[in-house]
């Protein structure tokens, strides 16, 4: 089944294994709901309407572990760019 997350005035950001927009392009001045994917499989396509965000990682690693990815996002949010 399809899941939709929509709250007026709140951006929904998903952190799948790969995304369309870089974490460093996100405007953290507005409220957002963050959805993090499973370490092994990421997020399914059933999360509709979310901005799919990626964290650039030079090198050969396929993905960050979930705790590390969430920590990076929370750090960027706390900076409030």
PDB file of N, CA and C in Angstrom:
ATOM      1  N   UNK A   1       0.821  -1.174   0.000  1.00  0.00           N
ATOM      2  CA  UNK A   1       0.000   0.000   0.000  1.00  0.00           C
ATOM      3  C   UNK A   1       0.872   1.246   0.000  1.00  0.00           C
ATOM      4  N   UNK A   2       0.348   2.333  -0.497  1.00  0.00           N
ATOM      5  CA  UNK A   2       1.073   3.592  -0.602  1.00  0.00           C
ATOM      6  C   UNK A   2       0.884   4.411   0.663  1.00  0.00           C
ATOM      7  N   UNK A   3       1.976   4.977   1.137  1.00  0.00           N
ATOM      8  CA  UNK A   3       1.897   5.854   2.304  1.00  0.00           C
ATOM      9  C   UNK A   3       2.183   7.270   1.865  1.00  0.00           C
ATOM     10  N   UNK A   4       1.391   8.189   2.340  1.00  0.00           N
ATOM     11  CA  UNK A   4       1.563   9.595   2.011  1.00  0.00           C
ATOM     12  C   UNK A   4       1.677  10.382   3.299  1.00  0.00           C
ATOM     13  N   UNK A   5       2.676  11.234   3.368  1.00  0.00           N
ATOM     14  CA  UNK A   5       2.877  12.083   4.526  1.00  0.00           C
ATOM     15  C   UNK A   5       2.711  13.519   4.078  1.00  0.00           C
ATOM     16  N   UNK A   6       1.715  14.200   4.602  1.00  0.00           N
ATOM     17  CA  UNK A   6       1.484  15.582   4.206  1.00  0.00           C
ATOM     18  C   UNK A   6       0.963  16.370   5.397  1.00  0.00           C
ATOM     19  N   UNK A   7       1.695  17.382   5.771  1.00  0.00           N
ATOM     20  CA  UNK A   7       1.283  18.311   6.806  1.00  0.00           C
ATOM     21  C   UNK A   7       1.499  19.698   6.219  1.00  0.00           C
ATOM     22  N   UNK A   8       0.486  20.531   6.241  1.00  0.00           N
ATOM     23  CA  UNK A   8       0.586  21.857   5.650  1.00  0.00           C
ATOM     24  C   UNK A   8       1.738  22.645   6.267  1.00  0.00           C
ATOM     25  N   UNK A   9       2.590  23.194   5.414  1.00  0.00           N
ATOM     26  CA  UNK A   9       3.708  24.015   5.864  1.00  0.00           C
ATOM     27  C   UNK A   9       4.920  23.226   6.332  1.00  0.00           C
ATOM     28  N   UNK A  10       4.869  21.903   6.207  1.00  0.00           N
ATOM     29  CA  UNK A  10       5.980  21.062   6.644  1.00  0.00           C
ATOM     30  C   UNK A  10       6.476  20.239   5.453  1.00  0.00           C
ATOM     31  N   UNK A  11       7.776  20.309   5.190  1.00  0.00           N
ATOM     32  CA  UNK A  11       8.372  19.540   4.108  1.00  0.00           C
ATOM     33  C   UNK A  11       8.625  18.113   4.602  1.00  0.00           C
ATOM     34  N   UNK A  12       8.390  17.121   3.760  1.00  0.00           N
ATOM     35  CA  UNK A  12       8.710  15.733   4.084  1.00  0.00           C
ATOM     36  C   UNK A  12       9.977  15.358   3.337  1.00  0.00           C
ATOM     37  N   UNK A  13      10.991  14.935   4.070  1.00  0.00           N
ATOM     38  CA  UNK A  13      12.274  14.552   3.489  1.00  0.00           C
ATOM     39  C   UNK A  13      12.538  13.084   3.783  1.00  0.00           C
ATOM     40  N   UNK A  14      12.886  12.339   2.766  1.00  0.00           N
ATOM     41  CA  UNK A  14      13.204  10.922   2.917  1.00  0.00           C
ATOM     42  C   UNK A  14      14.681  10.722   2.634  1.00  0.00           C
ATOM     43  N   UNK A  15      15.304   9.855   3.396  1.00  0.00           N
ATOM     44  CA  UNK A  15      16.716   9.560   3.199  1.00  0.00           C
ATOM     45  C   UNK A  15      16.864   8.103   2.777  1.00  0.00           C
ATOM     46  N   UNK A  16      16.580   7.828   1.489  1.00  0.00           N
ATOM     47  CA  UNK A  16      16.750   6.466   0.985  1.00  0.00           C
ATOM     48  C   UNK A  16      18.239   6.202   0.730  1.00  0.00           C
ATOM     49  N   UNK A  17      18.572   5.068   0.164  1.00  0.00           N
ATOM     50  CA  UNK A  17      19.976   4.772  -0.146  1.00  0.00           C
ATOM     51  C   UNK A  17      20.528   5.786  -1.141  1.00  0.00           C
ATOM     52  N   UNK A  18      19.739   6.218  -2.097  1.00  0.00           N
ATOM     53  CA  UNK A  18      20.160   7.290  -3.007  1.00  0.00           C
ATOM     54  C   UNK A  18      18.985   8.237  -3.199  1.00  0.00           C
ATOM     55  N   UNK A  19      19.288   9.507  -3.378  1.00  0.00           N
ATOM     56  CA  UNK A  19      18.228  10.493  -3.504  1.00  0.00           C
ATOM     57  C   UNK A  19      18.450  11.414  -4.677  1.00  0.00           C
ATOM     58  N   UNK A  20      17.474  12.283  -4.913  1.00  0.00           N
ATOM     59  CA  UNK A  20      17.520  13.212  -6.045  1.00  0.00           C
ATOM     60  C   UNK A  20      18.156  14.541  -5.680  1.00  0.00           C
ATOM     61  N   UNK A  21      18.209  14.861  -4.393  1.00  0.00           N
ATOM     62  CA  UNK A  21      18.679  16.161  -3.942  1.00  0.00           C
ATOM     63  C   UNK A  21      19.729  15.951  -2.855  1.00  0.00           C
ATOM     64  N   UNK A  22      20.781  16.748  -2.878  1.00  0.00           N
ATOM     65  CA  UNK A  22      21.832  16.647  -1.872  1.00  0.00           C
ATOM     66  C   UNK A  22      21.353  17.209  -0.535  1.00  0.00           C
ATOM     67  N   UNK A  23      21.808  16.618   0.542  1.00  0.00           N
ATOM     68  CA  UNK A  23      21.505  17.109   1.883  1.00  0.00           C
ATOM     69  C   UNK A  23      21.883  18.584   2.008  1.00  0.00           C
ATOM     70  N   UNK A  24      22.931  18.991   1.324  1.00  0.00           N
ATOM     71  CA  UNK A  24      23.430  20.350   1.444  1.00  0.00           C
ATOM     72  C   UNK A  24      22.632  21.360   0.616  1.00  0.00           C
ATOM     73  N   UNK A  25      21.592  20.903  -0.067  1.00  0.00           N
ATOM     74  CA  UNK A  25      20.686  21.789  -0.798  1.00  0.00           C
ATOM     75  C   UNK A  25      19.380  22.032  -0.035  1.00  0.00           C
ATOM     76  N   UNK A  26      19.194  21.348   1.086  1.00  0.00           N
ATOM     77  CA  UNK A  26      17.954  21.432   1.845  1.00  0.00           C
ATOM     78  C   UNK A  26      17.928  22.716   2.669  1.00  0.00           C
ATOM     79  N   UNK A  27      16.781  23.400   2.674  1.00  0.00           N
ATOM     80  CA  UNK A  27      16.591  24.599   3.489  1.00  0.00           C
ATOM     81  C   UNK A  27      16.079  24.164   4.857  1.00  0.00           C
ATOM     82  N   UNK A  28      16.931  24.251   5.855  1.00  0.00           N
ATOM     83  CA  UNK A  28      16.582  23.790   7.193  1.00  0.00           C
ATOM     84  C   UNK A  28      15.864  24.854   8.027  1.00  0.00           C
ATOM     85  N   UNK A  29      15.535  25.977   7.415  1.00  0.00           N
ATOM     86  CA  UNK A  29      14.833  27.028   8.151  1.00  0.00           C
ATOM     87  C   UNK A  29      13.346  26.713   8.298  1.00  0.00           C
ATOM     88  N   UNK A  30      12.833  25.815   7.471  1.00  0.00           N
ATOM     89  CA  UNK A  30      11.425  25.439   7.524  1.00  0.00           C
ATOM     90  C   UNK A  30      11.274  24.093   8.222  1.00  0.00           C
ATOM     91  N   UNK A  31      10.145  23.867   8.886  1.00  0.00           N
ATOM     92  CA  UNK A  31       9.931  22.576   9.554  1.00  0.00           C
ATOM     93  C   UNK A  31       9.914  21.427   8.544  1.00  0.00           C
ATOM     94  N   UNK A  32      10.372  20.274   8.999  1.00  0.00           N
ATOM     95  CA  UNK A  32      10.407  19.096   8.121  1.00  0.00           C
ATOM     96  C   UNK A  32      10.185  17.828   8.929  1.00  0.00           C
ATOM     97  N   UNK A  33       9.596  16.855   8.265  1.00  0.00           N
ATOM     98  CA  UNK A  33       9.480  15.501   8.783  1.00  0.00           C
ATOM     99  C   UNK A  33      10.549  14.697   8.047  1.00  0.00           C
ATOM    100  N   UNK A  34      11.372  13.958   8.778  1.00  0.00           N
ATOM    101  CA  UNK A  34      12.426  13.147   8.166  1.00  0.00           C
ATOM    102  C   UNK A  34      12.077  11.673   8.272  1.00  0.00           C
ATOM    103  N   UNK A  35      12.249  10.953   7.173  1.00  0.00           N
ATOM    104  CA  UNK A  35      12.001   9.521   7.124  1.00  0.00           C
ATOM    105  C   UNK A  35      13.310   8.863   6.696  1.00  0.00           C
ATOM    106  N   UNK A  36      13.828   7.975   7.529  1.00  0.00           N
ATOM    107  CA  UNK A  36      15.097   7.312   7.248  1.00  0.00           C
ATOM    108  C   UNK A  36      14.850   5.879   6.798  1.00  0.00           C
ATOM    109  N   UNK A  37      15.616   5.448   5.805  1.00  0.00           N
ATOM    110  CA  UNK A  37      15.454   4.099   5.269  1.00  0.00           C
ATOM    111  C   UNK A  37      16.240   3.058   6.031  1.00  0.00           C
ATOM    112  N   UNK A  38      15.843   1.826   5.852  1.00  0.00           N
ATOM    113  CA  UNK A  38      16.520   0.674   6.405  1.00  0.00           C
ATOM    114  C   UNK A  38      17.956   0.615   5.891  1.00  0.00           C
ATOM    115  N   UNK A  39      18.908   0.231   6.740  1.00  0.00           N
ATOM    116  CA  UNK A  39      20.314   0.199   6.333  1.00  0.00           C
ATOM    117  C   UNK A  39      20.567  -0.721   5.145  1.00  0.00           C
ATOM    118  N   UNK A  40      19.885  -1.828   5.086  1.00  0.00           N
ATOM    119  CA  UNK A  40      20.130  -2.801   4.019  1.00  0.00           C
ATOM    120  C   UNK A  40      19.361  -2.496   2.740  1.00  0.00           C
ATOM    121  N   UNK A  41      18.112  -2.038   2.863  1.00  0.00           N
ATOM    122  CA  UNK A  41      17.255  -1.892   1.683  1.00  0.00           C
ATOM    123  C   UNK A  41      16.814  -0.458   1.402  1.00  0.00           C
ATOM    124  N   UNK A  42      17.122   0.478   2.284  1.00  0.00           N
ATOM    125  CA  UNK A  42      16.680   1.851   2.070  1.00  0.00           C
ATOM    126  C   UNK A  42      15.180   1.977   2.236  1.00  0.00           C
ATOM    127  N   UNK A  43      14.592   2.945   1.583  1.00  0.00           N
ATOM    128  CA  UNK A  43      13.142   3.149   1.622  1.00  0.00           C
ATOM    129  C   UNK A  43      12.509   2.595   0.363  1.00  0.00           C
ATOM    130  N   UNK A  44      11.347   2.039   0.518  1.00  0.00           N
ATOM    131  CA  UNK A  44      10.608   1.560  -0.643  1.00  0.00           C
ATOM    132  C   UNK A  44      10.008   2.749  -1.378  1.00  0.00           C
ATOM    133  N   UNK A  45       9.635   2.543  -2.606  1.00  0.00           N
ATOM    134  CA  UNK A  45       9.013   3.593  -3.396  1.00  0.00           C
ATOM    135  C   UNK A  45       7.631   3.967  -2.870  1.00  0.00           C
ATOM    136  N   UNK A  46       7.163   3.261  -1.832  1.00  0.00           N
ATOM    137  CA  UNK A  46       5.827   3.554  -1.311  1.00  0.00           C
ATOM    138  C   UNK A  46       5.756   4.884  -0.566  1.00  0.00           C
ATOM    139  N   UNK A  47       6.893   5.488  -0.254  1.00  0.00           N
ATOM    140  CA  UNK A  47       6.886   6.796   0.397  1.00  0.00           C
ATOM    141  C   UNK A  47       6.746   7.840  -0.708  1.00  0.00           C
ATOM    142  N   UNK A  48       5.519   8.317  -0.894  1.00  0.00           N
ATOM    143  CA  UNK A  48       5.222   9.246  -1.993  1.00  0.00           C
ATOM    144  C   UNK A  48       5.231  10.692  -1.496  1.00  0.00           C
ATOM    145  N   UNK A  49       5.609  11.593  -2.367  1.00  0.00           N
ATOM    146  CA  UNK A  49       5.537  13.010  -2.064  1.00  0.00           C
ATOM    147  C   UNK A  49       6.679  13.538  -1.220  1.00  0.00           C
ATOM    148  N   UNK A  50       7.620  12.698  -0.852  1.00  0.00           N
ATOM    149  CA  UNK A  50       8.752  13.152  -0.048  1.00  0.00           C
ATOM    150  C   UNK A  50       9.879  13.596  -0.971  1.00  0.00           C
ATOM    151  N   UNK A  51      10.623  14.611  -0.538  1.00  0.00           N
ATOM    152  CA  UNK A  51      11.838  15.001  -1.236  1.00  0.00           C
ATOM    153  C   UNK A  51      12.889  13.963  -0.879  1.00  0.00           C
ATOM    154  N   UNK A  52      13.429  13.288  -1.877  1.00  0.00           N
ATOM    155  CA  UNK A  52      14.400  12.219  -1.633  1.00  0.00           C
ATOM    156  C   UNK A  52      15.795  12.825  -1.556  1.00  0.00           C
ATOM    157  N   UNK A  53      16.394  12.735  -0.375  1.00  0.00           N
ATOM    158  CA  UNK A  53      17.662  13.392  -0.069  1.00  0.00           C
ATOM    159  C   UNK A  53      18.792  12.360  -0.047  1.00  0.00           C
ATOM    160  N   UNK A  54      19.967  12.779  -0.482  1.00  0.00           N
ATOM    161  CA  UNK A  54      21.134  11.897  -0.389  1.00  0.00           C
ATOM    162  C   UNK A  54      22.271  12.615   0.334  1.00  0.00           C
ATOM    163  N   UNK A  55      23.158  11.835   0.916  1.00  0.00           N
ATOM    164  CA  UNK A  55      24.372  12.356   1.540  1.00  0.00           C
ATOM    165  C   UNK A  55      25.527  11.901   0.657  1.00  0.00           C
ATOM    166  N   UNK A  56      26.244  12.856   0.074  1.00  0.00           N
ATOM    167  CA  UNK A  56      27.350  12.525  -0.822  1.00  0.00           C
ATOM    168  C   UNK A  56      28.449  11.813  -0.046  1.00  0.00           C
ATOM    169  N   UNK A  57      28.929  10.710  -0.620  1.00  0.00           N
ATOM    170  CA  UNK A  57      29.989   9.935   0.012  1.00  0.00           C
ATOM    171  C   UNK A  57      31.025   9.544  -1.033  1.00  0.00           C
ATOM    172  N   UNK A  58      32.139  10.248  -1.073  1.00  0.00           N
ATOM    173  CA  UNK A  58      33.177   9.819  -2.004  1.00  0.00           C
ATOM    174  C   UNK A  58      33.770   8.492  -1.539  1.00  0.00           C
ATOM    175  N   UNK A  59      34.119   7.647  -2.465  1.00  0.00           N
ATOM    176  CA  UNK A  59      34.716   6.362  -2.105  1.00  0.00           C
ATOM    177  C   UNK A  59      33.848   5.203  -2.540  1.00  0.00           C
ATOM    178  N   UNK A  60      34.117   4.025  -1.988  1.00  0.00           N
ATOM    179  CA  UNK A  60      33.468   2.810  -2.440  1.00  0.00           C
ATOM    180  C   UNK A  60      32.308   2.356  -1.571  1.00  0.00           C
ATOM    181  N   UNK A  61      32.110   2.952  -0.423  1.00  0.00           N
ATOM    182  CA  UNK A  61      31.017   2.515   0.453  1.00  0.00           C
ATOM    183  C   UNK A  61      29.676   2.730  -0.221  1.00  0.00           C
ATOM    184  N   UNK A  62      28.756   1.805  -0.023  1.00  0.00           N
ATOM    185  CA  UNK A  62      27.431   1.908  -0.641  1.00  0.00           C
ATOM    186  C   UNK A  62      26.494   2.795   0.162  1.00  0.00           C
ATOM    187  N   UNK A  63      26.617   2.771   1.489  1.00  0.00           N
ATOM    188  CA  UNK A  63      25.726   3.576   2.319  1.00  0.00           C
ATOM    189  C   UNK A  63      26.313   3.745   3.710  1.00  0.00           C
ATOM    190  N   UNK A  64      25.783   4.725   4.422  1.00  0.00           N
ATOM    191  CA  UNK A  64      26.139   4.930   5.825  1.00  0.00           C
ATOM    192  C   UNK A  64      25.222   4.078   6.682  1.00  0.00           C
ATOM    193  N   UNK A  65      25.649   3.764   7.901  1.00  0.00           N
ATOM    194  CA  UNK A  65      24.686   3.095   8.760  1.00  0.00           C
ATOM    195  C   UNK A  65      23.662   4.128   9.192  1.00  0.00           C
ATOM    196  N   UNK A  66      22.514   3.672   9.608  1.00  0.00           N
ATOM    197  CA  UNK A  66      21.385   4.557   9.897  1.00  0.00           C
ATOM    198  C   UNK A  66      21.713   5.587  10.962  1.00  0.00           C
ATOM    199  N   UNK A  67      22.390   5.183  12.020  1.00  0.00           N
ATOM    200  CA  UNK A  67      22.731   6.112  13.103  1.00  0.00           C
ATOM    201  C   UNK A  67      23.658   7.217  12.597  1.00  0.00           C
ATOM    202  N   UNK A  68      24.631   6.868  11.764  1.00  0.00           N
ATOM    203  CA  UNK A  68      25.551   7.869  11.220  1.00  0.00           C
ATOM    204  C   UNK A  68      24.821   8.835  10.294  1.00  0.00           C
ATOM    205  N   UNK A  69      23.950   8.319   9.440  1.00  0.00           N
ATOM    206  CA  UNK A  69      23.188   9.174   8.524  1.00  0.00           C
ATOM    207  C   UNK A  69      22.282  10.131   9.307  1.00  0.00           C
ATOM    208  N   UNK A  70      21.589   9.612  10.309  1.00  0.00           N
ATOM    209  CA  UNK A  70      20.710  10.462  11.126  1.00  0.00           C
ATOM    210  C   UNK A  70      21.520  11.520  11.864  1.00  0.00           C
ATOM    211  N   UNK A  71      22.702  11.161  12.361  1.00  0.00           N
ATOM    212  CA  UNK A  71      23.551  12.127  13.066  1.00  0.00           C
ATOM    213  C   UNK A  71      23.987  13.256  12.143  1.00  0.00           C
ATOM    214  N   UNK A  72      24.330  12.924  10.900  1.00  0.00           N
ATOM    215  CA  UNK A  72      24.726  13.958   9.932  1.00  0.00           C
ATOM    216  C   UNK A  72      23.559  14.899   9.662  1.00  0.00           C
ATOM    217  N   UNK A  73      22.370  14.347   9.454  1.00  0.00           N
ATOM    218  CA  UNK A  73      21.183  15.172   9.206  1.00  0.00           C
ATOM    219  C   UNK A  73      20.901  16.066  10.417  1.00  0.00           C
ATOM    220  N   UNK A  74      20.922  15.497  11.618  1.00  0.00           N
ATOM    221  CA  UNK A  74      20.631  16.292  12.817  1.00  0.00           C
ATOM    222  C   UNK A  74      21.661  17.409  13.009  1.00  0.00           C
ATOM    223  N   UNK A  75      22.919  17.120  12.671  1.00  0.00           N
ATOM    224  CA  UNK A  75      23.958  18.152  12.750  1.00  0.00           C
ATOM    225  C   UNK A  75      23.645  19.307  11.790  1.00  0.00           C
ATOM    226  N   UNK A  76      23.277  18.968  10.571  1.00  0.00           N
ATOM    227  CA  UNK A  76      22.947  20.004   9.588  1.00  0.00           C
ATOM    228  C   UNK A  76      21.708  20.804  10.026  1.00  0.00           C
ATOM    229  N   UNK A  77      20.720  20.127  10.599  1.00  0.00           N
ATOM    230  CA  UNK A  77      19.545  20.834  11.097  1.00  0.00           C
ATOM    231  C   UNK A  77      19.936  21.797  12.216  1.00  0.00           C
ATOM    232  N   UNK A  78      20.814  21.346  13.112  1.00  0.00           N
ATOM    233  CA  UNK A  78      21.211  22.201  14.240  1.00  0.00           C
ATOM    234  C   UNK A  78      21.982  23.431  13.776  1.00  0.00           C
ATOM    235  N   UNK A  79      22.638  23.330  12.612  1.00  0.00           N
ATOM    236  CA  UNK A  79      23.344  24.478  12.053  1.00  0.00           C
ATOM    237  C   UNK A  79      22.366  25.507  11.504  1.00  0.00           C
ATOM    238  N   UNK A  80      21.156  25.027  11.146  1.00  0.00           N
ATOM    239  CA  UNK A  80      20.081  25.913  10.708  1.00  0.00           C
ATOM    240  C   UNK A  80      20.361  26.747   9.489  1.00  0.00           C
ATOM    241  N   UNK A  81      21.102  26.214   8.561  1.00  0.00           N
ATOM    242  CA  UNK A  81      21.421  26.980   7.356  1.00  0.00           C
ATOM    243  C   UNK A  81      20.158  27.514   6.826  1.00  0.00           C
TER     244      UNK A  81
END
